[in-house]
N, C-alpha and C. Protein backbone atom coordinates (compact mmCIF):
# COMPACT_ATOMS: atom_id res chain seq x y z
N MET A 1 -21.80 10.45 -14.28
CA MET A 1 -23.05 9.89 -13.77
C MET A 1 -22.77 9.20 -12.44
N PRO A 2 -23.56 9.48 -11.38
CA PRO A 2 -23.31 8.84 -10.09
C PRO A 2 -23.46 7.34 -10.18
N ASN A 3 -22.72 6.63 -9.34
CA ASN A 3 -22.84 5.19 -9.31
C ASN A 3 -24.19 4.80 -8.74
N SER A 4 -24.93 3.92 -9.43
CA SER A 4 -26.28 3.58 -9.03
C SER A 4 -26.33 2.48 -7.98
N LEU A 5 -25.24 1.75 -7.79
CA LEU A 5 -25.19 0.67 -6.82
C LEU A 5 -24.29 1.04 -5.64
N PRO A 6 -24.60 0.56 -4.44
CA PRO A 6 -23.67 0.77 -3.32
C PRO A 6 -22.31 0.16 -3.66
N LEU A 7 -21.26 0.86 -3.26
CA LEU A 7 -19.90 0.39 -3.55
C LEU A 7 -19.31 -0.31 -2.34
N ARG A 8 -18.62 -1.41 -2.61
CA ARG A 8 -17.87 -2.13 -1.59
C ARG A 8 -16.43 -2.22 -2.04
N LEU A 9 -15.50 -1.74 -1.22
CA LEU A 9 -14.07 -1.85 -1.53
C LEU A 9 -13.46 -2.92 -0.64
N VAL A 10 -12.85 -3.92 -1.26
CA VAL A 10 -12.17 -4.98 -0.54
C VAL A 10 -10.67 -4.76 -0.67
N LEU A 11 -9.99 -4.56 0.44
CA LEU A 11 -8.55 -4.35 0.45
C LEU A 11 -7.86 -5.70 0.60
N ALA A 12 -7.09 -6.08 -0.42
CA ALA A 12 -6.42 -7.39 -0.40
C ALA A 12 -5.06 -7.26 0.28
N SER A 13 -5.09 -6.86 1.54
CA SER A 13 -3.85 -6.62 2.28
C SER A 13 -4.13 -6.68 3.77
N GLN A 14 -3.19 -7.25 4.52
CA GLN A 14 -3.32 -7.27 5.98
C GLN A 14 -2.66 -6.06 6.63
N SER A 15 -2.14 -5.14 5.82
CA SER A 15 -1.42 -3.99 6.35
C SER A 15 -2.36 -3.03 7.09
N PRO A 16 -2.16 -2.85 8.40
CA PRO A 16 -2.98 -1.88 9.13
C PRO A 16 -2.73 -0.45 8.66
N ALA A 17 -1.52 -0.18 8.16
CA ALA A 17 -1.20 1.17 7.70
C ALA A 17 -2.03 1.54 6.47
N ARG A 18 -2.18 0.58 5.55
CA ARG A 18 -3.00 0.86 4.36
C ARG A 18 -4.46 1.09 4.74
N ARG A 19 -4.96 0.24 5.62
CA ARG A 19 -6.36 0.40 6.04
C ARG A 19 -6.56 1.73 6.74
N LYS A 20 -5.63 2.09 7.62
CA LYS A 20 -5.73 3.36 8.35
C LYS A 20 -5.69 4.54 7.40
N LEU A 21 -4.87 4.46 6.37
CA LEU A 21 -4.78 5.53 5.38
C LEU A 21 -6.11 5.72 4.66
N LEU A 22 -6.74 4.61 4.27
CA LEU A 22 -8.05 4.69 3.61
C LEU A 22 -9.09 5.27 4.56
N GLN A 23 -9.09 4.80 5.79
CA GLN A 23 -10.07 5.29 6.76
C GLN A 23 -9.92 6.78 7.00
N ALA A 24 -8.68 7.26 7.07
CA ALA A 24 -8.44 8.69 7.28
C ALA A 24 -8.94 9.51 6.09
N ALA A 25 -9.02 8.87 4.92
CA ALA A 25 -9.49 9.55 3.71
C ALA A 25 -11.00 9.35 3.50
N GLY A 26 -11.68 8.82 4.51
CA GLY A 26 -13.13 8.69 4.42
C GLY A 26 -13.61 7.41 3.76
N ILE A 27 -12.73 6.42 3.64
CA ILE A 27 -13.08 5.17 2.97
C ILE A 27 -12.95 4.02 3.96
N GLU A 28 -14.01 3.26 4.13
CA GLU A 28 -14.00 2.13 5.06
C GLU A 28 -13.97 0.82 4.27
N PRO A 29 -12.80 0.21 4.12
CA PRO A 29 -12.71 -1.01 3.31
C PRO A 29 -13.00 -2.27 4.11
N ASP A 30 -13.45 -3.29 3.42
CA ASP A 30 -13.39 -4.63 3.98
C ASP A 30 -11.97 -5.14 3.75
N VAL A 31 -11.50 -6.03 4.59
CA VAL A 31 -10.14 -6.56 4.45
C VAL A 31 -10.20 -8.06 4.26
N LEU A 32 -9.53 -8.52 3.21
CA LEU A 32 -9.43 -9.95 2.95
C LEU A 32 -7.99 -10.23 2.54
N VAL A 33 -7.26 -10.95 3.36
CA VAL A 33 -5.83 -11.20 3.12
C VAL A 33 -5.67 -12.18 1.97
N SER A 34 -4.76 -11.87 1.06
CA SER A 34 -4.62 -12.66 -0.17
C SER A 34 -3.94 -14.00 0.05
N GLY A 35 -2.94 -14.05 0.93
CA GLY A 35 -2.19 -15.28 1.13
C GLY A 35 -1.16 -15.57 0.05
N VAL A 36 -0.85 -14.59 -0.79
CA VAL A 36 0.14 -14.77 -1.85
C VAL A 36 1.53 -14.93 -1.25
N ASP A 37 2.29 -15.90 -1.74
CA ASP A 37 3.68 -16.12 -1.32
C ASP A 37 4.58 -15.19 -2.14
N GLU A 38 4.94 -14.07 -1.55
CA GLU A 38 5.70 -13.05 -2.27
C GLU A 38 7.08 -13.54 -2.69
N SER A 39 7.63 -14.50 -1.95
CA SER A 39 8.98 -14.96 -2.24
C SER A 39 9.07 -15.73 -3.56
N GLN A 40 7.94 -16.16 -4.09
CA GLN A 40 7.95 -16.94 -5.32
C GLN A 40 7.94 -16.08 -6.58
N VAL A 41 7.82 -14.76 -6.42
CA VAL A 41 7.74 -13.85 -7.56
C VAL A 41 9.06 -13.10 -7.69
N VAL A 42 9.63 -13.11 -8.89
CA VAL A 42 10.89 -12.40 -9.14
C VAL A 42 10.73 -11.51 -10.36
N ALA A 43 11.52 -10.45 -10.40
CA ALA A 43 11.51 -9.52 -11.53
C ALA A 43 12.82 -8.75 -11.51
N ASP A 44 13.18 -8.21 -12.66
CA ASP A 44 14.43 -7.45 -12.77
C ASP A 44 14.27 -6.00 -12.34
N ARG A 45 13.04 -5.49 -12.40
CA ARG A 45 12.79 -4.09 -12.06
C ARG A 45 11.84 -4.01 -10.88
N ALA A 46 12.12 -3.08 -9.96
CA ALA A 46 11.29 -2.91 -8.78
C ALA A 46 9.85 -2.58 -9.16
N GLU A 47 9.68 -1.73 -10.18
CA GLU A 47 8.34 -1.34 -10.61
C GLU A 47 7.55 -2.55 -11.09
N ASP A 48 8.21 -3.44 -11.82
CA ASP A 48 7.52 -4.63 -12.34
C ASP A 48 7.15 -5.58 -11.21
N LEU A 49 8.07 -5.73 -10.24
CA LEU A 49 7.83 -6.67 -9.15
C LEU A 49 6.65 -6.24 -8.29
N CYS A 50 6.63 -4.97 -7.88
CA CYS A 50 5.55 -4.53 -6.99
C CYS A 50 4.20 -4.57 -7.69
N LEU A 51 4.17 -4.29 -9.00
CA LEU A 51 2.90 -4.33 -9.71
C LEU A 51 2.42 -5.77 -9.89
N GLU A 52 3.33 -6.68 -10.18
CA GLU A 52 2.95 -8.08 -10.33
C GLU A 52 2.42 -8.63 -9.00
N LEU A 53 3.06 -8.29 -7.91
CA LEU A 53 2.59 -8.75 -6.60
C LEU A 53 1.23 -8.15 -6.26
N ALA A 54 1.05 -6.86 -6.56
CA ALA A 54 -0.25 -6.23 -6.32
C ALA A 54 -1.34 -6.92 -7.13
N ARG A 55 -1.01 -7.25 -8.38
CA ARG A 55 -1.98 -7.93 -9.26
C ARG A 55 -2.32 -9.31 -8.72
N LEU A 56 -1.30 -10.06 -8.30
CA LEU A 56 -1.54 -11.41 -7.79
C LEU A 56 -2.39 -11.38 -6.51
N LYS A 57 -2.15 -10.39 -5.66
CA LYS A 57 -2.94 -10.27 -4.43
C LYS A 57 -4.41 -9.98 -4.76
N ALA A 58 -4.63 -9.05 -5.68
CA ALA A 58 -6.00 -8.72 -6.05
C ALA A 58 -6.71 -9.91 -6.68
N LEU A 59 -6.01 -10.62 -7.56
CA LEU A 59 -6.61 -11.76 -8.24
C LEU A 59 -6.89 -12.90 -7.28
N ALA A 60 -6.01 -13.09 -6.28
CA ALA A 60 -6.23 -14.15 -5.30
C ALA A 60 -7.50 -13.89 -4.49
N VAL A 61 -7.72 -12.65 -4.13
CA VAL A 61 -8.94 -12.30 -3.40
C VAL A 61 -10.16 -12.35 -4.31
N LEU A 62 -9.97 -11.94 -5.55
CA LEU A 62 -11.08 -11.99 -6.52
C LEU A 62 -11.63 -13.41 -6.65
N ASP A 63 -10.77 -14.39 -6.61
CA ASP A 63 -11.19 -15.79 -6.74
C ASP A 63 -12.10 -16.23 -5.60
N ARG A 64 -12.08 -15.48 -4.50
CA ARG A 64 -12.89 -15.83 -3.33
C ARG A 64 -14.15 -14.97 -3.21
N LEU A 65 -14.38 -14.12 -4.20
CA LEU A 65 -15.54 -13.23 -4.19
C LEU A 65 -16.46 -13.54 -5.35
N ARG A 66 -17.69 -13.16 -5.20
CA ARG A 66 -18.66 -13.26 -6.28
C ARG A 66 -19.43 -11.96 -6.38
N ALA A 67 -19.61 -11.48 -7.60
CA ALA A 67 -20.38 -10.26 -7.80
C ALA A 67 -21.84 -10.50 -7.44
N THR A 68 -22.47 -9.51 -6.82
CA THR A 68 -23.88 -9.61 -6.49
C THR A 68 -24.65 -8.49 -7.19
N ALA A 69 -25.94 -8.66 -7.30
CA ALA A 69 -26.76 -7.69 -8.03
C ALA A 69 -27.03 -6.42 -7.24
N ASP A 70 -26.82 -6.48 -5.92
CA ASP A 70 -27.19 -5.34 -5.10
C ASP A 70 -26.02 -4.44 -4.68
N GLU A 71 -24.80 -4.73 -5.16
CA GLU A 71 -23.68 -3.87 -4.87
C GLU A 71 -22.61 -4.01 -5.95
N ARG A 72 -21.78 -2.99 -6.06
CA ARG A 72 -20.65 -3.01 -6.99
C ARG A 72 -19.38 -3.22 -6.17
N THR A 73 -18.71 -4.33 -6.39
CA THR A 73 -17.55 -4.70 -5.58
C THR A 73 -16.24 -4.39 -6.29
N LEU A 74 -15.34 -3.74 -5.57
CA LEU A 74 -13.99 -3.43 -6.06
C LEU A 74 -12.98 -4.14 -5.18
N VAL A 75 -11.92 -4.65 -5.79
CA VAL A 75 -10.82 -5.27 -5.03
C VAL A 75 -9.55 -4.46 -5.30
N LEU A 76 -8.85 -4.09 -4.24
CA LEU A 76 -7.61 -3.33 -4.37
C LEU A 76 -6.45 -4.12 -3.80
N GLY A 77 -5.49 -4.45 -4.65
CA GLY A 77 -4.26 -5.09 -4.22
C GLY A 77 -3.11 -4.10 -4.29
N CYS A 78 -2.26 -4.09 -3.28
CA CYS A 78 -1.10 -3.19 -3.25
C CYS A 78 0.13 -3.95 -2.78
N ASP A 79 1.29 -3.53 -3.28
CA ASP A 79 2.54 -4.09 -2.76
C ASP A 79 3.65 -3.07 -2.94
N SER A 80 4.56 -3.03 -1.98
CA SER A 80 5.64 -2.05 -1.99
C SER A 80 7.01 -2.71 -1.95
N VAL A 81 7.96 -2.12 -2.66
CA VAL A 81 9.35 -2.54 -2.59
C VAL A 81 10.22 -1.29 -2.69
N LEU A 82 11.43 -1.39 -2.18
CA LEU A 82 12.37 -0.28 -2.23
C LEU A 82 13.44 -0.57 -3.27
N GLY A 83 13.64 0.38 -4.16
CA GLY A 83 14.75 0.31 -5.08
C GLY A 83 15.92 1.07 -4.48
N PHE A 84 17.03 0.37 -4.20
CA PHE A 84 18.17 1.02 -3.56
C PHE A 84 19.47 0.44 -4.09
N ASP A 85 20.31 1.31 -4.63
CA ASP A 85 21.65 0.92 -5.05
C ASP A 85 21.63 -0.27 -6.00
N GLY A 86 20.64 -0.28 -6.90
CA GLY A 86 20.53 -1.34 -7.90
C GLY A 86 19.87 -2.60 -7.40
N GLU A 87 19.43 -2.62 -6.15
CA GLU A 87 18.78 -3.79 -5.58
C GLU A 87 17.28 -3.55 -5.40
N ILE A 88 16.52 -4.64 -5.31
CA ILE A 88 15.10 -4.58 -4.99
C ILE A 88 14.94 -5.13 -3.58
N LEU A 89 14.48 -4.29 -2.66
CA LEU A 89 14.39 -4.67 -1.26
C LEU A 89 12.95 -4.72 -0.79
N GLY A 90 12.50 -5.91 -0.40
CA GLY A 90 11.20 -6.06 0.23
C GLY A 90 11.38 -6.03 1.73
N LYS A 91 10.69 -6.91 2.44
CA LYS A 91 10.87 -6.99 3.89
C LYS A 91 12.20 -7.67 4.20
N PRO A 92 12.90 -7.24 5.24
CA PRO A 92 14.16 -7.88 5.61
C PRO A 92 13.94 -9.32 6.05
N ALA A 93 14.93 -10.17 5.84
CA ALA A 93 14.82 -11.57 6.23
C ALA A 93 14.84 -11.73 7.75
N ASP A 94 15.63 -10.88 8.42
CA ASP A 94 15.75 -10.97 9.88
C ASP A 94 16.39 -9.69 10.40
N ALA A 95 16.66 -9.65 11.70
CA ALA A 95 17.22 -8.44 12.31
C ALA A 95 18.60 -8.09 11.75
N ALA A 96 19.40 -9.10 11.47
CA ALA A 96 20.73 -8.84 10.91
C ALA A 96 20.62 -8.20 9.53
N ASP A 97 19.67 -8.68 8.74
CA ASP A 97 19.45 -8.11 7.41
C ASP A 97 18.99 -6.66 7.51
N ALA A 98 18.06 -6.38 8.42
CA ALA A 98 17.57 -5.02 8.61
C ALA A 98 18.70 -4.09 9.06
N THR A 99 19.55 -4.58 9.95
CA THR A 99 20.69 -3.78 10.43
C THR A 99 21.65 -3.47 9.29
N ASP A 100 21.95 -4.47 8.49
CA ASP A 100 22.86 -4.28 7.36
C ASP A 100 22.29 -3.28 6.38
N ARG A 101 20.99 -3.36 6.12
CA ARG A 101 20.37 -2.42 5.18
C ARG A 101 20.50 -0.99 5.67
N TRP A 102 20.18 -0.77 6.95
CA TRP A 102 20.24 0.58 7.46
C TRP A 102 21.66 1.14 7.47
N ARG A 103 22.63 0.30 7.69
CA ARG A 103 24.02 0.77 7.64
C ARG A 103 24.40 1.21 6.23
N ARG A 104 23.78 0.57 5.24
CA ARG A 104 24.06 0.95 3.85
C ARG A 104 23.21 2.15 3.40
N MET A 105 21.97 2.24 3.92
CA MET A 105 21.04 3.27 3.45
C MET A 105 21.28 4.63 4.10
N ARG A 106 21.80 4.63 5.33
CA ARG A 106 21.89 5.90 6.06
C ARG A 106 22.70 6.95 5.29
N GLY A 107 22.17 8.16 5.27
CA GLY A 107 22.81 9.26 4.56
C GLY A 107 22.62 9.21 3.06
N ARG A 108 21.85 8.25 2.57
CA ARG A 108 21.66 8.10 1.12
C ARG A 108 20.16 8.12 0.79
N SER A 109 19.83 7.80 -0.44
CA SER A 109 18.43 7.86 -0.90
C SER A 109 18.05 6.60 -1.66
N GLY A 110 16.77 6.30 -1.65
CA GLY A 110 16.22 5.19 -2.43
C GLY A 110 14.86 5.59 -2.99
N VAL A 111 14.25 4.71 -3.76
CA VAL A 111 12.94 4.99 -4.34
C VAL A 111 11.97 3.89 -3.89
N LEU A 112 10.91 4.31 -3.21
CA LEU A 112 9.89 3.37 -2.76
C LEU A 112 8.82 3.28 -3.84
N HIS A 113 8.62 2.08 -4.35
CA HIS A 113 7.62 1.83 -5.40
C HIS A 113 6.45 1.06 -4.81
N THR A 114 5.23 1.51 -5.08
CA THR A 114 4.04 0.78 -4.63
C THR A 114 3.15 0.50 -5.83
N GLY A 115 2.94 -0.79 -6.09
CA GLY A 115 2.05 -1.20 -7.16
C GLY A 115 0.62 -1.23 -6.67
N HIS A 116 -0.31 -0.83 -7.54
CA HIS A 116 -1.74 -0.81 -7.23
C HIS A 116 -2.48 -1.54 -8.34
N CYS A 117 -3.33 -2.48 -7.97
CA CYS A 117 -4.19 -3.16 -8.93
C CYS A 117 -5.63 -3.08 -8.42
N LEU A 118 -6.48 -2.40 -9.16
CA LEU A 118 -7.87 -2.20 -8.78
C LEU A 118 -8.76 -2.96 -9.76
N ILE A 119 -9.54 -3.90 -9.24
CA ILE A 119 -10.40 -4.73 -10.09
C ILE A 119 -11.86 -4.45 -9.76
N ASP A 120 -12.63 -4.17 -10.79
CA ASP A 120 -14.08 -4.00 -10.67
C ASP A 120 -14.70 -5.37 -10.91
N VAL A 121 -15.09 -6.04 -9.84
CA VAL A 121 -15.62 -7.39 -9.93
C VAL A 121 -16.93 -7.40 -10.73
N THR A 122 -17.75 -6.42 -10.49
CA THR A 122 -19.08 -6.36 -11.12
C THR A 122 -18.99 -6.20 -12.62
N HIS A 123 -18.12 -5.32 -13.09
CA HIS A 123 -18.02 -5.01 -14.52
C HIS A 123 -16.85 -5.72 -15.21
N GLU A 124 -16.13 -6.56 -14.45
CA GLU A 124 -15.01 -7.32 -14.99
C GLU A 124 -14.00 -6.41 -15.70
N ALA A 125 -13.58 -5.37 -14.98
CA ALA A 125 -12.62 -4.40 -15.51
C ALA A 125 -11.48 -4.24 -14.52
N ARG A 126 -10.34 -3.78 -15.02
CA ARG A 126 -9.17 -3.64 -14.17
C ARG A 126 -8.37 -2.40 -14.54
N ALA A 127 -7.83 -1.72 -13.53
CA ALA A 127 -6.94 -0.58 -13.74
C ALA A 127 -5.77 -0.75 -12.78
N GLU A 128 -4.55 -0.50 -13.26
CA GLU A 128 -3.38 -0.71 -12.42
C GLU A 128 -2.25 0.23 -12.80
N ALA A 129 -1.41 0.54 -11.82
CA ALA A 129 -0.27 1.43 -12.06
C ALA A 129 0.64 1.39 -10.83
N VAL A 130 1.81 2.02 -10.97
CA VAL A 130 2.80 2.09 -9.89
C VAL A 130 3.03 3.55 -9.50
N ALA A 131 3.07 3.81 -8.22
CA ALA A 131 3.47 5.12 -7.70
C ALA A 131 4.87 5.00 -7.13
N SER A 132 5.72 6.01 -7.37
CA SER A 132 7.11 5.98 -6.92
C SER A 132 7.47 7.27 -6.19
N THR A 133 8.13 7.13 -5.06
CA THR A 133 8.51 8.29 -4.25
C THR A 133 9.96 8.15 -3.79
N VAL A 134 10.74 9.19 -3.98
CA VAL A 134 12.14 9.21 -3.53
C VAL A 134 12.18 9.43 -2.02
N VAL A 135 12.97 8.63 -1.34
CA VAL A 135 13.10 8.72 0.12
C VAL A 135 14.55 9.03 0.48
N HIS A 136 14.75 10.06 1.30
CA HIS A 136 16.09 10.44 1.76
C HIS A 136 16.27 10.00 3.20
N PHE A 137 17.29 9.18 3.46
CA PHE A 137 17.52 8.63 4.79
C PHE A 137 18.52 9.48 5.57
N ALA A 138 18.24 9.65 6.85
CA ALA A 138 19.16 10.39 7.71
C ALA A 138 20.42 9.56 7.96
N ASP A 139 21.50 10.25 8.29
CA ASP A 139 22.77 9.58 8.59
C ASP A 139 22.76 9.20 10.07
N ILE A 140 22.02 8.13 10.39
CA ILE A 140 21.82 7.78 11.79
C ILE A 140 22.97 6.92 12.32
N SER A 141 23.07 6.87 13.64
CA SER A 141 24.19 6.18 14.28
C SER A 141 23.94 4.68 14.38
N ASP A 142 24.99 3.94 14.68
CA ASP A 142 24.85 2.49 14.90
C ASP A 142 23.91 2.22 16.08
N GLU A 143 23.98 3.08 17.10
CA GLU A 143 23.13 2.90 18.28
C GLU A 143 21.65 3.09 17.91
N GLU A 144 21.38 4.08 17.08
CA GLU A 144 19.99 4.31 16.64
C GLU A 144 19.49 3.15 15.79
N ILE A 145 20.35 2.65 14.93
CA ILE A 145 19.97 1.50 14.10
C ILE A 145 19.64 0.30 14.99
N ALA A 146 20.49 0.03 15.96
CA ALA A 146 20.27 -1.11 16.85
C ALA A 146 18.96 -0.97 17.62
N ALA A 147 18.71 0.25 18.12
CA ALA A 147 17.48 0.49 18.88
C ALA A 147 16.25 0.33 17.99
N TYR A 148 16.34 0.83 16.74
CA TYR A 148 15.20 0.75 15.83
C TYR A 148 14.91 -0.71 15.44
N VAL A 149 15.95 -1.44 15.10
CA VAL A 149 15.77 -2.84 14.71
C VAL A 149 15.20 -3.64 15.88
N ALA A 150 15.62 -3.31 17.10
CA ALA A 150 15.16 -4.03 18.29
C ALA A 150 13.66 -3.87 18.52
N THR A 151 13.06 -2.80 17.99
CA THR A 151 11.61 -2.60 18.14
C THR A 151 10.82 -3.60 17.30
N GLY A 152 11.45 -4.16 16.27
CA GLY A 152 10.76 -5.09 15.39
C GLY A 152 10.04 -4.44 14.23
N GLU A 153 9.87 -3.12 14.29
CA GLU A 153 9.12 -2.44 13.22
C GLU A 153 9.72 -2.63 11.84
N PRO A 154 11.03 -2.45 11.66
CA PRO A 154 11.59 -2.56 10.31
C PRO A 154 11.52 -3.97 9.72
N LEU A 155 11.28 -4.98 10.55
CA LEU A 155 11.23 -6.35 10.05
C LEU A 155 9.93 -6.64 9.30
N ALA A 156 8.92 -5.80 9.50
CA ALA A 156 7.59 -6.07 8.96
C ALA A 156 7.24 -5.25 7.74
N VAL A 157 8.18 -4.42 7.25
CA VAL A 157 7.83 -3.49 6.17
C VAL A 157 8.89 -3.50 5.07
N ALA A 158 8.44 -3.20 3.87
CA ALA A 158 9.34 -3.13 2.71
C ALA A 158 10.40 -2.06 2.94
N GLY A 159 11.66 -2.41 2.65
CA GLY A 159 12.74 -1.45 2.79
C GLY A 159 13.26 -1.30 4.20
N ALA A 160 12.60 -1.92 5.18
CA ALA A 160 13.01 -1.88 6.60
C ALA A 160 12.81 -0.52 7.24
N PHE A 161 11.78 0.23 6.80
CA PHE A 161 11.51 1.52 7.42
C PHE A 161 10.05 1.89 7.20
N THR A 162 9.57 2.80 8.06
CA THR A 162 8.25 3.39 7.88
C THR A 162 8.40 4.90 7.83
N ILE A 163 7.35 5.55 7.33
CA ILE A 163 7.29 7.01 7.39
C ILE A 163 6.27 7.45 8.43
N ASP A 164 5.35 6.54 8.76
CA ASP A 164 4.24 6.87 9.66
C ASP A 164 4.39 6.22 11.03
N GLY A 165 5.59 5.72 11.32
CA GLY A 165 5.83 5.08 12.61
C GLY A 165 7.15 5.56 13.20
N LEU A 166 7.82 4.67 13.90
CA LEU A 166 9.09 5.03 14.54
C LEU A 166 10.14 5.45 13.52
N GLY A 167 10.10 4.84 12.34
CA GLY A 167 11.11 5.12 11.32
C GLY A 167 11.03 6.51 10.73
N GLY A 168 9.91 7.20 10.92
CA GLY A 168 9.76 8.54 10.36
C GLY A 168 10.81 9.51 10.86
N ALA A 169 11.33 9.29 12.05
CA ALA A 169 12.36 10.18 12.61
C ALA A 169 13.70 10.02 11.91
N PHE A 170 13.85 8.94 11.15
CA PHE A 170 15.13 8.66 10.51
C PHE A 170 15.12 8.97 9.01
N LEU A 171 14.11 9.73 8.57
CA LEU A 171 14.05 10.20 7.19
C LEU A 171 14.22 11.70 7.20
N THR A 172 14.97 12.23 6.23
CA THR A 172 15.16 13.68 6.16
C THR A 172 14.22 14.33 5.17
N GLY A 173 13.53 13.54 4.35
CA GLY A 173 12.60 14.11 3.39
C GLY A 173 12.22 13.10 2.33
N ILE A 174 11.19 13.45 1.56
CA ILE A 174 10.78 12.63 0.44
C ILE A 174 10.48 13.52 -0.75
N GLU A 175 10.45 12.92 -1.92
CA GLU A 175 10.05 13.62 -3.14
C GLU A 175 8.93 12.81 -3.79
N GLY A 176 7.70 13.22 -3.53
CA GLY A 176 6.56 12.49 -4.05
C GLY A 176 5.47 12.37 -3.01
N ASP A 177 4.54 11.46 -3.24
CA ASP A 177 3.39 11.26 -2.37
C ASP A 177 3.79 10.44 -1.14
N PRO A 178 3.59 10.96 0.07
CA PRO A 178 3.94 10.19 1.27
C PRO A 178 3.12 8.91 1.41
N GLY A 179 1.91 8.90 0.85
CA GLY A 179 1.09 7.70 0.90
C GLY A 179 1.75 6.51 0.21
N THR A 180 2.51 6.79 -0.83
CA THR A 180 3.24 5.73 -1.52
C THR A 180 4.16 5.00 -0.56
N VAL A 181 4.79 5.75 0.33
CA VAL A 181 5.73 5.17 1.30
C VAL A 181 4.97 4.39 2.37
N VAL A 182 3.77 4.85 2.71
CA VAL A 182 2.93 4.11 3.65
C VAL A 182 2.47 2.79 3.03
N GLY A 183 2.26 2.83 1.69
CA GLY A 183 1.86 1.61 1.00
C GLY A 183 0.64 1.73 0.13
N LEU A 184 0.10 2.97 0.01
CA LEU A 184 -1.08 3.18 -0.83
C LEU A 184 -1.16 4.65 -1.19
N SER A 185 -1.14 4.94 -2.48
CA SER A 185 -1.20 6.34 -2.94
C SER A 185 -2.64 6.73 -3.23
N LEU A 186 -3.19 7.65 -2.45
CA LEU A 186 -4.56 8.10 -2.67
C LEU A 186 -4.73 8.82 -4.01
N PRO A 187 -3.78 9.69 -4.42
CA PRO A 187 -3.93 10.30 -5.74
C PRO A 187 -3.96 9.27 -6.87
N LEU A 188 -3.14 8.22 -6.74
CA LEU A 188 -3.15 7.18 -7.77
C LEU A 188 -4.45 6.39 -7.71
N LEU A 189 -4.95 6.09 -6.52
CA LEU A 189 -6.22 5.39 -6.39
C LEU A 189 -7.34 6.21 -7.05
N ARG A 190 -7.32 7.51 -6.84
CA ARG A 190 -8.32 8.37 -7.49
C ARG A 190 -8.25 8.24 -9.00
N ARG A 191 -7.03 8.21 -9.54
CA ARG A 191 -6.87 8.08 -11.00
C ARG A 191 -7.36 6.73 -11.51
N LEU A 192 -7.06 5.67 -10.78
CA LEU A 192 -7.50 4.34 -11.19
C LEU A 192 -9.02 4.22 -11.13
N LEU A 193 -9.62 4.81 -10.11
CA LEU A 193 -11.08 4.82 -10.03
C LEU A 193 -11.67 5.55 -11.24
N GLY A 194 -11.02 6.64 -11.64
CA GLY A 194 -11.48 7.38 -12.82
C GLY A 194 -11.45 6.52 -14.07
N GLU A 195 -10.44 5.66 -14.19
CA GLU A 195 -10.36 4.76 -15.35
C GLU A 195 -11.51 3.76 -15.37
N LEU A 196 -12.07 3.50 -14.20
CA LEU A 196 -13.23 2.60 -14.10
C LEU A 196 -14.54 3.38 -14.07
N GLU A 197 -14.45 4.68 -14.42
CA GLU A 197 -15.61 5.56 -14.47
C GLU A 197 -16.27 5.72 -13.10
N LEU A 198 -15.43 5.82 -12.09
CA LEU A 198 -15.87 6.08 -10.73
C LEU A 198 -15.11 7.28 -10.18
N SER A 199 -15.67 7.89 -9.14
CA SER A 199 -14.99 8.96 -8.42
C SER A 199 -14.62 8.47 -7.03
N ILE A 200 -13.52 8.99 -6.50
CA ILE A 200 -13.15 8.60 -5.15
C ILE A 200 -14.21 9.04 -4.15
N THR A 201 -14.97 10.07 -4.49
CA THR A 201 -16.03 10.51 -3.60
C THR A 201 -17.16 9.48 -3.50
N ASP A 202 -17.25 8.58 -4.47
CA ASP A 202 -18.25 7.51 -4.40
C ASP A 202 -17.96 6.55 -3.24
N LEU A 203 -16.71 6.53 -2.78
CA LEU A 203 -16.31 5.63 -1.70
C LEU A 203 -16.33 6.29 -0.33
N TRP A 204 -16.54 7.59 -0.31
CA TRP A 204 -16.56 8.28 0.97
C TRP A 204 -17.70 7.78 1.85
N THR A 205 -17.45 7.73 3.15
CA THR A 205 -18.49 7.43 4.11
C THR A 205 -18.60 8.59 5.09
N LYS A 206 -19.77 8.68 5.71
CA LYS A 206 -19.99 9.76 6.67
C LYS A 206 -20.29 9.15 8.03
N VAL A 207 -19.55 9.56 9.04
CA VAL A 207 -19.76 9.06 10.40
C VAL A 207 -20.61 10.07 11.16
N ALA A 208 -21.71 9.60 11.74
CA ALA A 208 -22.59 10.48 12.50
C ALA A 208 -21.92 10.91 13.79
N PRO A 209 -22.37 12.01 14.41
CA PRO A 209 -21.78 12.46 15.70
C PRO A 209 -21.75 11.33 16.71
N GLY A 210 -20.61 11.15 17.35
CA GLY A 210 -20.45 10.07 18.31
C GLY A 210 -19.96 8.79 17.68
N GLY A 211 -19.93 8.75 16.33
CA GLY A 211 -19.43 7.58 15.63
C GLY A 211 -20.34 6.38 15.66
N GLN A 212 -21.63 6.58 16.02
CA GLN A 212 -22.50 5.42 16.19
C GLN A 212 -23.07 4.87 14.88
N GLU A 213 -23.03 5.65 13.82
CA GLU A 213 -23.57 5.17 12.55
C GLU A 213 -22.65 5.57 11.41
N VAL A 214 -22.68 4.78 10.36
CA VAL A 214 -21.95 5.11 9.15
C VAL A 214 -22.90 4.99 7.98
N GLU A 215 -23.03 6.04 7.21
CA GLU A 215 -23.88 5.98 6.03
C GLU A 215 -23.07 6.40 4.81
N HIS A 216 -23.35 5.77 3.70
CA HIS A 216 -22.62 6.08 2.48
C HIS A 216 -23.11 7.39 1.88
N LEU A 217 -22.15 8.21 1.47
CA LEU A 217 -22.51 9.44 0.78
C LEU A 217 -22.92 9.13 -0.66
N GLY A 218 -23.61 10.08 -1.28
CA GLY A 218 -23.99 9.93 -2.68
C GLY A 218 -25.23 9.16 -2.78
């Protein structure tokens, strides 16, 4: 049954990559940064940590929202960590940390885990899961590592690398959904929406020629 109320998706993340990924898939989210202190959360497993952080981000934003009668509001929290050599790696502490990581990761593989927590504010329901993708790192040189770290990009992302930016040149392949590595898995989001009796097509928007108007499909 089609959703009878207009849908609003609130992304509980300041990540421009996640927002861009949603926009490329026809979804225009509102963005509300959670403010969660990630350093205060610990876990023994990477999958548990990223899901707990995603949940905390979604819940923090939920506390600042109120359901209204004229729209159905969804909140999506996401968080990513890299599982590598028995360690859980989030964002590097500094340039030296990023350099050390790349010296250890080059020529090897890790698993990027992204937790997703989707909350239906209107119906007080929640669906959550983790997407995991194997990442193979190129055997890059010390000079390439130094140049990459100097750009600042690896300091801002989990695992100290991107797939959709400068770091993409230093990966030899992945096994799984590339969106997971960006920080949001669209196939998993589709599944979570299904658990809330929604379709991902309910979130699609249509941009008129010239981009001057946006109207919701459905």
